[in-house]
Every structure is written in structure tokens, then in C-alpha cells.
């Protein structure tokens, strides 16, 4: 089953990385306080990045790789706000 690795930015500016089969549902869960404990006290969150992976194991590996990056490395991975204007996340959200 396809999986997506995603990065959300929390209200305090921190980043949270996870994986899911349904990015839109997962972002809604984070914003409702039903997502990860980390994001529950840092709402609202906004979607910053999504990657498709063909399997759960591939998504888990990529999630781990992203989580191990420094903040500056994560910032280079994520598109700037101006670059996100043309990104259509509707296929995954």
C-alpha cells in the first residue's frame, strides 16, 4: 500500500516528520490534537513537504533519514514559501 512521508511545521516553528497512507487525514488529526504527542501542544500545524513511497518499509526508512537531519539540512529539503505556491498537494491531501 502506498505511503507518504510528510513534514509539518508547528505553530512554534518546529518541524515534525511522519508517514501515513492519508496525508490530509493525518494533518487534520495533528490539528485536532489527535496526532502525535509532539504536535498536540504545538498547533496548528501546516503541511510543508510530502514524498510518495511504494511501501511502508520504504517510508519508515525515509522518515528515519529525515528525522536524523539537522534543522538546517531539513530547511534545505523543504521548499520555500514562494516555491510552494505552485505545488498541488490535492492528490495526497
PDB file of N, CA and C in Angstrom:
ATOM      1  N   UNK A   1       0.849  -1.184   0.000  1.00  0.00           N
ATOM      2  CA  UNK A   1       0.000   0.000   0.000  1.00  0.00           C
ATOM      3  C   UNK A   1       0.894   1.247   0.000  1.00  0.00           C
ATOM      4  N   UNK A   2       0.596   2.214  -0.829  1.00  0.00           N
ATOM      5  CA  UNK A   2       1.402   3.440  -0.896  1.00  0.00           C
ATOM      6  C   UNK A   2       1.425   4.168   0.449  1.00  0.00           C
ATOM      7  N   UNK A   3       2.549   4.759   0.734  1.00  0.00           N
ATOM      8  CA  UNK A   3       2.741   5.530   1.957  1.00  0.00           C
ATOM      9  C   UNK A   3       3.330   6.884   1.578  1.00  0.00           C
ATOM     10  N   UNK A   4       3.115   7.847   2.425  1.00  0.00           N
ATOM     11  CA  UNK A   4       3.658   9.184   2.213  1.00  0.00           C
ATOM     12  C   UNK A   4       4.444   9.608   3.448  1.00  0.00           C
ATOM     13  N   UNK A   5       5.626  10.127   3.226  1.00  0.00           N
ATOM     14  CA  UNK A   5       6.391  10.769   4.288  1.00  0.00           C
ATOM     15  C   UNK A   5       6.052  12.251   4.194  1.00  0.00           C
ATOM     16  N   UNK A   6       5.759  12.858   5.325  1.00  0.00           N
ATOM     17  CA  UNK A   6       5.362  14.262   5.317  1.00  0.00           C
ATOM     18  C   UNK A   6       6.111  15.018   6.405  1.00  0.00           C
ATOM     19  N   UNK A   7       6.220  16.311   6.205  1.00  0.00           N
ATOM     20  CA  UNK A   7       6.788  17.206   7.213  1.00  0.00           C
ATOM     21  C   UNK A   7       5.782  18.325   7.422  1.00  0.00           C
ATOM     22  N   UNK A   8       5.431  18.551   8.681  1.00  0.00           N
ATOM     23  CA  UNK A   8       4.573  19.686   9.016  1.00  0.00           C
ATOM     24  C   UNK A   8       5.373  20.670   9.848  1.00  0.00           C
ATOM     25  N   UNK A   9       5.017  21.927   9.707  1.00  0.00           N
ATOM     26  CA  UNK A   9       5.609  22.968  10.548  1.00  0.00           C
ATOM     27  C   UNK A   9       4.610  23.308  11.636  1.00  0.00           C
ATOM     28  N   UNK A  10       5.065  23.293  12.867  1.00  0.00           N
ATOM     29  CA  UNK A  10       4.211  23.588  14.009  1.00  0.00           C
ATOM     30  C   UNK A  10       4.137  25.096  14.236  1.00  0.00           C
ATOM     31  N   UNK A  11       3.170  25.510  15.048  1.00  0.00           N
ATOM     32  CA  UNK A  11       2.972  26.936  15.322  1.00  0.00           C
ATOM     33  C   UNK A  11       4.207  27.586  15.931  1.00  0.00           C
ATOM     34  N   UNK A  12       5.023  26.804  16.646  1.00  0.00           N
ATOM     35  CA  UNK A  12       6.235  27.367  17.254  1.00  0.00           C
ATOM     36  C   UNK A  12       7.432  27.362  16.308  1.00  0.00           C
ATOM     37  N   UNK A  13       7.209  26.956  15.048  1.00  0.00           N
ATOM     38  CA  UNK A  13       8.270  26.950  14.049  1.00  0.00           C
ATOM     39  C   UNK A  13       9.042  25.652  13.961  1.00  0.00           C
ATOM     40  N   UNK A  14       8.784  24.727  14.872  1.00  0.00           N
ATOM     41  CA  UNK A  14       9.475  23.434  14.823  1.00  0.00           C
ATOM     42  C   UNK A  14       8.866  22.563  13.729  1.00  0.00           C
ATOM     43  N   UNK A  15       9.599  21.526  13.361  1.00  0.00           N
ATOM     44  CA  UNK A  15       9.162  20.618  12.302  1.00  0.00           C
ATOM     45  C   UNK A  15       8.887  19.237  12.871  1.00  0.00           C
ATOM     46  N   UNK A  16       7.868  18.581  12.331  1.00  0.00           N
ATOM     47  CA  UNK A  16       7.547  17.210  12.714  1.00  0.00           C
ATOM     48  C   UNK A  16       7.469  16.383  11.440  1.00  0.00           C
ATOM     49  N   UNK A  17       8.107  15.217  11.452  1.00  0.00           N
ATOM     50  CA  UNK A  17       8.120  14.313  10.306  1.00  0.00           C
ATOM     51  C   UNK A  17       7.399  13.032  10.671  1.00  0.00           C
ATOM     52  N   UNK A  18       6.573  12.545   9.755  1.00  0.00           N
ATOM     53  CA  UNK A  18       5.874  11.287   9.970  1.00  0.00           C
ATOM     54  C   UNK A  18       5.582  10.618   8.647  1.00  0.00           C
ATOM     55  N   UNK A  19       4.878   9.486   8.710  1.00  0.00           N
ATOM     56  CA  UNK A  19       4.443   8.816   7.480  1.00  0.00           C
ATOM     57  C   UNK A  19       3.018   8.322   7.677  1.00  0.00           C
ATOM     58  N   UNK A  20       2.300   8.190   6.573  1.00  0.00           N
ATOM     59  CA  UNK A  20       0.893   7.826   6.617  1.00  0.00           C
ATOM     60  C   UNK A  20       0.429   7.375   5.242  1.00  0.00           C
ATOM     61  N   UNK A  21      -0.751   6.784   5.189  1.00  0.00           N
ATOM     62  CA  UNK A  21      -1.376   6.456   3.906  1.00  0.00           C
ATOM     63  C   UNK A  21      -2.273   7.596   3.430  1.00  0.00           C
ATOM     64  N   UNK A  22      -2.629   8.518   4.331  1.00  0.00           N
ATOM     65  CA  UNK A  22      -3.569   9.593   4.011  1.00  0.00           C
ATOM     66  C   UNK A  22      -3.080  10.895   4.653  1.00  0.00           C
ATOM     67  N   UNK A  23      -2.402  11.698   3.880  1.00  0.00           N
ATOM     68  CA  UNK A  23      -1.781  12.920   4.406  1.00  0.00           C
ATOM     69  C   UNK A  23      -2.830  13.905   4.921  1.00  0.00           C
ATOM     70  N   UNK A  24      -3.895  14.111   4.173  1.00  0.00           N
ATOM     71  CA  UNK A  24      -4.931  15.054   4.592  1.00  0.00           C
ATOM     72  C   UNK A  24      -5.536  14.684   5.932  1.00  0.00           C
ATOM     73  N   UNK A  25      -5.882  13.414   6.088  1.00  0.00           N
ATOM     74  CA  UNK A  25      -6.442  12.938   7.352  1.00  0.00           C
ATOM     75  C   UNK A  25      -5.446  13.134   8.488  1.00  0.00           C
ATOM     76  N   UNK A  26      -4.193  12.826   8.225  1.00  0.00           N
ATOM     77  CA  UNK A  26      -3.174  12.906   9.273  1.00  0.00           C
ATOM     78  C   UNK A  26      -2.934  14.348   9.708  1.00  0.00           C
ATOM     79  N   UNK A  27      -2.905  15.275   8.768  1.00  0.00           N
ATOM     80  CA  UNK A  27      -2.738  16.689   9.128  1.00  0.00           C
ATOM     81  C   UNK A  27      -3.938  17.154   9.957  1.00  0.00           C
ATOM     82  N   UNK A  28      -5.138  16.731   9.565  1.00  0.00           N
ATOM     83  CA  UNK A  28      -6.333  17.071  10.349  1.00  0.00           C
ATOM     84  C   UNK A  28      -6.230  16.515  11.764  1.00  0.00           C
ATOM     85  N   UNK A  29      -5.731  15.280  11.896  1.00  0.00           N
ATOM     86  CA  UNK A  29      -5.553  14.689  13.229  1.00  0.00           C
ATOM     87  C   UNK A  29      -4.571  15.504  14.061  1.00  0.00           C
ATOM     88  N   UNK A  30      -3.467  15.906  13.452  1.00  0.00           N
ATOM     89  CA  UNK A  30      -2.500  16.740  14.181  1.00  0.00           C
ATOM     90  C   UNK A  30      -3.164  18.036  14.649  1.00  0.00           C
ATOM     91  N   UNK A  31      -3.941  18.660  13.784  1.00  0.00           N
ATOM     92  CA  UNK A  31      -4.568  19.934  14.131  1.00  0.00           C
ATOM     93  C   UNK A  31      -5.703  19.786  15.135  1.00  0.00           C
ATOM     94  N   UNK A  32      -6.277  18.597  15.235  1.00  0.00           N
ATOM     95  CA  UNK A  32      -7.327  18.341  16.219  1.00  0.00           C
ATOM     96  C   UNK A  32      -6.747  17.922  17.569  1.00  0.00           C
ATOM     97  N   UNK A  33      -5.432  17.739  17.625  1.00  0.00           N
ATOM     98  CA  UNK A  33      -4.800  17.288  18.857  1.00  0.00           C
ATOM     99  C   UNK A  33      -4.778  15.782  18.999  1.00  0.00           C
ATOM    100  N   UNK A  34      -5.201  15.072  17.948  1.00  0.00           N
ATOM    101  CA  UNK A  34      -5.254  13.609  17.971  1.00  0.00           C
ATOM    102  C   UNK A  34      -4.068  12.968  17.266  1.00  0.00           C
ATOM    103  N   UNK A  35      -3.117  13.769  16.842  1.00  0.00           N
ATOM    104  CA  UNK A  35      -1.933  13.239  16.166  1.00  0.00           C
ATOM    105  C   UNK A  35      -0.878  12.864  17.188  1.00  0.00           C
ATOM    106  N   UNK A  36       0.348  13.129  16.886  1.00  0.00           N
ATOM    107  CA  UNK A  36       1.461  12.813  17.780  1.00  0.00           C
ATOM    108  C   UNK A  36       1.431  13.709  19.019  1.00  0.00           C
ATOM    109  N   UNK A  37       1.952  13.197  20.111  1.00  0.00           N
ATOM    110  CA  UNK A  37       2.045  13.996  21.337  1.00  0.00           C
ATOM    111  C   UNK A  37       2.844  15.273  21.084  1.00  0.00           C
ATOM    112  N   UNK A  38       3.872  15.159  20.245  1.00  0.00           N
ATOM    113  CA  UNK A  38       4.724  16.316  19.959  1.00  0.00           C
ATOM    114  C   UNK A  38       3.917  17.466  19.375  1.00  0.00           C
ATOM    115  N   UNK A  39       3.028  17.182  18.450  1.00  0.00           N
ATOM    116  CA  UNK A  39       2.294  18.252  17.775  1.00  0.00           C
ATOM    117  C   UNK A  39       1.074  18.724  18.561  1.00  0.00           C
ATOM    118  N   UNK A  40       0.610  17.934  19.513  1.00  0.00           N
ATOM    119  CA  UNK A  40      -0.616  18.277  20.241  1.00  0.00           C
ATOM    120  C   UNK A  40      -0.516  19.641  20.920  1.00  0.00           C
ATOM    121  N   UNK A  41       0.632  19.970  21.464  1.00  0.00           N
ATOM    122  CA  UNK A  41       0.805  21.249  22.138  1.00  0.00           C
ATOM    123  C   UNK A  41       1.420  22.323  21.271  1.00  0.00           C
ATOM    124  N   UNK A  42       1.546  22.045  19.986  1.00  0.00           N
ATOM    125  CA  UNK A  42       2.193  22.987  19.069  1.00  0.00           C
ATOM    126  C   UNK A  42       1.300  23.289  17.864  1.00  0.00           C
ATOM    127  N   UNK A  43       0.015  23.280  18.071  1.00  0.00           N
ATOM    128  CA  UNK A  43      -0.930  23.508  16.988  1.00  0.00           C
ATOM    129  C   UNK A  43      -1.127  24.995  16.750  1.00  0.00           C
ATOM    130  N   UNK A  44      -1.559  25.341  15.540  1.00  0.00           N
ATOM    131  CA  UNK A  44      -1.829  24.465  14.392  1.00  0.00           C
ATOM    132  C   UNK A  44      -0.545  24.096  13.655  1.00  0.00           C
ATOM    133  N   UNK A  45      -0.661  23.053  12.852  1.00  0.00           N
ATOM    134  CA  UNK A  45       0.453  22.646  12.002  1.00  0.00           C
ATOM    135  C   UNK A  45       0.082  22.928  10.554  1.00  0.00           C
ATOM    136  N   UNK A  46       1.093  23.124   9.731  1.00  0.00           N
ATOM    137  CA  UNK A  46       0.846  23.312   8.300  1.00  0.00           C
ATOM    138  C   UNK A  46       1.763  22.379   7.522  1.00  0.00           C
ATOM    139  N   UNK A  47       1.233  21.818   6.466  1.00  0.00           N
ATOM    140  CA  UNK A  47       1.974  20.872   5.641  1.00  0.00           C
ATOM    141  C   UNK A  47       3.063  21.600   4.874  1.00  0.00           C
ATOM    142  N   UNK A  48       4.292  21.098   4.988  1.00  0.00           N
ATOM    143  CA  UNK A  48       5.421  21.713   4.291  1.00  0.00           C
ATOM    144  C   UNK A  48       5.999  20.836   3.196  1.00  0.00           C
ATOM    145  N   UNK A  49       5.844  19.505   3.315  1.00  0.00           N
ATOM    146  CA  UNK A  49       6.555  18.618   2.393  1.00  0.00           C
ATOM    147  C   UNK A  49       5.890  17.249   2.382  1.00  0.00           C
ATOM    148  N   UNK A  50       5.845  16.631   1.186  1.00  0.00           N
ATOM    149  CA  UNK A  50       5.290  15.280   1.032  1.00  0.00           C
ATOM    150  C   UNK A  50       6.135  14.514   0.029  1.00  0.00           C
ATOM    151  N   UNK A  51       6.396  13.247   0.335  1.00  0.00           N
ATOM    152  CA  UNK A  51       7.069  12.329  -0.587  1.00  0.00           C
ATOM    153  C   UNK A  51       6.261  11.044  -0.674  1.00  0.00           C
ATOM    154  N   UNK A  52       6.117  10.510  -1.864  1.00  0.00           N
ATOM    155  CA  UNK A  52       5.455   9.217  -2.082  1.00  0.00           C
ATOM    156  C   UNK A  52       6.465   8.090  -1.928  1.00  0.00           C
ATOM    157  N   UNK A  53       6.029   6.998  -1.311  1.00  0.00           N
ATOM    158  CA  UNK A  53       6.843   5.780  -1.212  1.00  0.00           C
ATOM    159  C   UNK A  53       5.945   4.577  -1.469  1.00  0.00           C
ATOM    160  N   UNK A  54       6.452   3.574  -2.186  1.00  0.00           N
ATOM    161  CA  UNK A  54       5.621   2.435  -2.575  1.00  0.00           C
ATOM    162  C   UNK A  54       5.306   1.465  -1.442  1.00  0.00           C
ATOM    163  N   UNK A  55       6.039   1.546  -0.336  1.00  0.00           N
ATOM    164  CA  UNK A  55       5.812   0.591   0.753  1.00  0.00           C
ATOM    165  C   UNK A  55       6.025   1.256   2.110  1.00  0.00           C
ATOM    166  N   UNK A  56       5.476   0.608   3.129  1.00  0.00           N
ATOM    167  CA  UNK A  56       5.638   1.109   4.491  1.00  0.00           C
ATOM    168  C   UNK A  56       7.112   1.100   4.901  1.00  0.00           C
ATOM    169  N   UNK A  57       7.823   0.047   4.548  1.00  0.00           N
ATOM    170  CA  UNK A  57       9.233  -0.038   4.947  1.00  0.00           C
ATOM    171  C   UNK A  57      10.061   1.071   4.302  1.00  0.00           C
ATOM    172  N   UNK A  58       9.765   1.397   3.054  1.00  0.00           N
ATOM    173  CA  UNK A  58      10.474   2.491   2.386  1.00  0.00           C
ATOM    174  C   UNK A  58      10.160   3.822   3.064  1.00  0.00           C
ATOM    175  N   UNK A  59       8.898   4.024   3.427  1.00  0.00           N
ATOM    176  CA  UNK A  59       8.501   5.262   4.099  1.00  0.00           C
ATOM    177  C   UNK A  59       9.146   5.365   5.479  1.00  0.00           C
ATOM    178  N   UNK A  60       9.187   4.263   6.208  1.00  0.00           N
ATOM    179  CA  UNK A  60       9.815   4.276   7.531  1.00  0.00           C
ATOM    180  C   UNK A  60      11.300   4.617   7.435  1.00  0.00           C
ATOM    181  N   UNK A  61      11.961   4.053   6.440  1.00  0.00           N
ATOM    182  CA  UNK A  61      13.387   4.342   6.251  1.00  0.00           C
ATOM    183  C   UNK A  61      13.610   5.816   5.944  1.00  0.00           C
ATOM    184  N   UNK A  62      12.776   6.367   5.072  1.00  0.00           N
ATOM    185  CA  UNK A  62      12.919   7.777   4.703  1.00  0.00           C
ATOM    186  C   UNK A  62      12.566   8.686   5.876  1.00  0.00           C
ATOM    187  N   UNK A  63      11.522   8.336   6.628  1.00  0.00           N
ATOM    188  CA  UNK A  63      11.160   9.111   7.813  1.00  0.00           C
ATOM    189  C   UNK A  63      12.352   9.166   8.771  1.00  0.00           C
ATOM    190  N   UNK A  64      12.965   8.033   9.015  1.00  0.00           N
ATOM    191  CA  UNK A  64      14.126   7.978   9.908  1.00  0.00           C
ATOM    192  C   UNK A  64      15.264   8.852   9.371  1.00  0.00           C
ATOM    193  N   UNK A  65      15.498   8.783   8.068  1.00  0.00           N
ATOM    194  CA  UNK A  65      16.567   9.582   7.460  1.00  0.00           C
ATOM    195  C   UNK A  65      16.297  11.076   7.631  1.00  0.00           C
ATOM    196  N   UNK A  66      15.062  11.502   7.406  1.00  0.00           N
ATOM    197  CA  UNK A  66      14.725  12.923   7.550  1.00  0.00           C
ATOM    198  C   UNK A  66      14.831  13.344   9.009  1.00  0.00           C
ATOM    199  N   UNK A  67      14.337  12.505   9.921  1.00  0.00           N
ATOM    200  CA  UNK A  67      14.407  12.852  11.343  1.00  0.00           C
ATOM    201  C   UNK A  67      15.843  12.983  11.835  1.00  0.00           C
ATOM    202  N   UNK A  68      16.769  12.304  11.181  1.00  0.00           N
ATOM    203  CA  UNK A  68      18.168  12.371  11.611  1.00  0.00           C
ATOM    204  C   UNK A  68      18.904  13.588  11.049  1.00  0.00           C
ATOM    205  N   UNK A  69      18.270  14.332  10.153  1.00  0.00           N
ATOM    206  CA  UNK A  69      18.884  15.540   9.594  1.00  0.00           C
ATOM    207  C   UNK A  69      18.900  16.663  10.625  1.00  0.00           C
ATOM    208  N   UNK A  70      19.858  17.551  10.491  1.00  0.00           N
ATOM    209  CA  UNK A  70      19.866  18.762  11.316  1.00  0.00           C
ATOM    210  C   UNK A  70      18.764  19.695  10.808  1.00  0.00           C
ATOM    211  N   UNK A  71      18.452  20.703  11.586  1.00  0.00           N
ATOM    212  CA  UNK A  71      17.419  21.647  11.165  1.00  0.00           C
ATOM    213  C   UNK A  71      17.808  22.340   9.863  1.00  0.00           C
ATOM    214  N   UNK A  72      19.061  22.728   9.735  1.00  0.00           N
ATOM    215  CA  UNK A  72      19.480  23.412   8.505  1.00  0.00           C
ATOM    216  C   UNK A  72      19.387  22.476   7.300  1.00  0.00           C
ATOM    217  N   UNK A  73      19.675  21.200   7.490  1.00  0.00           N
ATOM    218  CA  UNK A  73      19.533  20.234   6.395  1.00  0.00           C
ATOM    219  C   UNK A  73      18.061  20.044   6.035  1.00  0.00           C
ATOM    220  N   UNK A  74      17.191  20.015   7.041  1.00  0.00           N
ATOM    221  CA  UNK A  74      15.752  19.906   6.770  1.00  0.00           C
ATOM    222  C   UNK A  74      15.258  21.138   6.020  1.00  0.00           C
ATOM    223  N   UNK A  75      15.735  22.307   6.419  1.00  0.00           N
ATOM    224  CA  UNK A  75      15.317  23.538   5.745  1.00  0.00           C
ATOM    225  C   UNK A  75      15.707  23.528   4.272  1.00  0.00           C
ATOM    226  N   UNK A  76      16.850  22.942   3.948  1.00  0.00           N
ATOM    227  CA  UNK A  76      17.260  22.849   2.540  1.00  0.00           C
ATOM    228  C   UNK A  76      16.384  21.858   1.774  1.00  0.00           C
ATOM    229  N   UNK A  77      15.873  20.851   2.455  1.00  0.00           N
ATOM    230  CA  UNK A  77      14.992  19.864   1.830  1.00  0.00           C
ATOM    231  C   UNK A  77      13.624  20.462   1.504  1.00  0.00           C
ATOM    232  N   UNK A  78      13.131  21.318   2.382  1.00  0.00           N
ATOM    233  CA  UNK A  78      11.779  21.860   2.257  1.00  0.00           C
ATOM    234  C   UNK A  78      11.749  23.043   1.301  1.00  0.00           C
ATOM    235  N   UNK A  79      10.700  23.119   0.490  1.00  0.00           N
ATOM    236  CA  UNK A  79      10.587  24.277  -0.406  1.00  0.00           C
ATOM    237  C   UNK A  79      10.297  25.550   0.388  1.00  0.00           C
ATOM    238  N   UNK A  80      10.807  26.672  -0.103  1.00  0.00           N
ATOM    239  CA  UNK A  80      10.480  27.962   0.498  1.00  0.00           C
ATOM    240  C   UNK A  80       9.008  28.252   0.266  1.00  0.00           C
ATOM    241  N   UNK A  81       8.453  29.163   1.042  1.00  0.00           N
ATOM    242  CA  UNK A  81       7.040  29.507   0.907  1.00  0.00           C
ATOM    243  C   UNK A  81       6.709  29.936  -0.516  1.00  0.00           C
ATOM    244  N   UNK A  82       7.584  30.722  -1.140  1.00  0.00           N
ATOM    245  CA  UNK A  82       7.332  31.170  -2.508  1.00  0.00           C
ATOM    246  C   UNK A  82       7.319  29.996  -3.479  1.00  0.00           C
ATOM    247  N   UNK A  83       8.146  28.990  -3.218  1.00  0.00           N
ATOM    248  CA  UNK A  83       8.204  27.820  -4.090  1.00  0.00           C
ATOM    249  C   UNK A  83       6.981  26.925  -3.931  1.00  0.00           C
ATOM    250  N   UNK A  84       6.315  26.987  -2.774  1.00  0.00           N
ATOM    251  CA  UNK A  84       5.164  26.125  -2.517  1.00  0.00           C
ATOM    252  C   UNK A  84       3.898  26.604  -3.206  1.00  0.00           C
ATOM    253  N   UNK A  85       3.893  27.838  -3.657  1.00  0.00           N
ATOM    254  CA  UNK A  85       2.685  28.401  -4.246  1.00  0.00           C
ATOM    255  C   UNK A  85       2.161  27.538  -5.380  1.00  0.00           C
ATOM    256  N   UNK A  86       3.036  27.000  -6.216  1.00  0.00           N
ATOM    257  CA  UNK A  86       2.601  26.218  -7.362  1.00  0.00           C
ATOM    258  C   UNK A  86       2.461  24.735  -7.117  1.00  0.00           C
ATOM    259  N   UNK A  87       2.706  24.270  -5.894  1.00  0.00           N
ATOM    260  CA  UNK A  87       2.629  22.839  -5.608  1.00  0.00           C
ATOM    261  C   UNK A  87       1.183  22.445  -5.354  1.00  0.00           C
ATOM    262  N   UNK A  88       0.740  21.425  -6.048  1.00  0.00           N
ATOM    263  CA  UNK A  88      -0.622  20.922  -5.884  1.00  0.00           C
ATOM    264  C   UNK A  88      -0.578  19.653  -5.042  1.00  0.00           C
ATOM    265  N   UNK A  89      -0.943  19.764  -3.768  1.00  0.00           N
ATOM    266  CA  UNK A  89      -0.958  18.615  -2.874  1.00  0.00           C
ATOM    267  C   UNK A  89      -2.300  17.880  -2.906  1.00  0.00           C
ATOM    268  N   UNK A  90      -3.223  18.288  -3.757  1.00  0.00           N
ATOM    269  CA  UNK A  90      -4.567  17.718  -3.729  1.00  0.00           C
ATOM    270  C   UNK A  90      -4.601  16.216  -3.968  1.00  0.00           C
ATOM    271  N   UNK A  91      -3.606  15.685  -4.660  1.00  0.00           N
ATOM    272  CA  UNK A  91      -3.584  14.245  -4.909  1.00  0.00           C
ATOM    273  C   UNK A  91      -3.286  13.449  -3.644  1.00  0.00           C
ATOM    274  N   UNK A  92      -2.676  14.082  -2.645  1.00  0.00           N
ATOM    275  CA  UNK A  92      -2.317  13.373  -1.421  1.00  0.00           C
ATOM    276  C   UNK A  92      -3.026  13.910  -0.186  1.00  0.00           C
ATOM    277  N   UNK A  93      -3.670  15.037  -0.305  1.00  0.00           N
ATOM    278  CA  UNK A  93      -4.346  15.630   0.855  1.00  0.00           C
ATOM    279  C   UNK A  93      -5.830  15.429   0.739  1.00  0.00           C
TER     280      UNK A  93
END
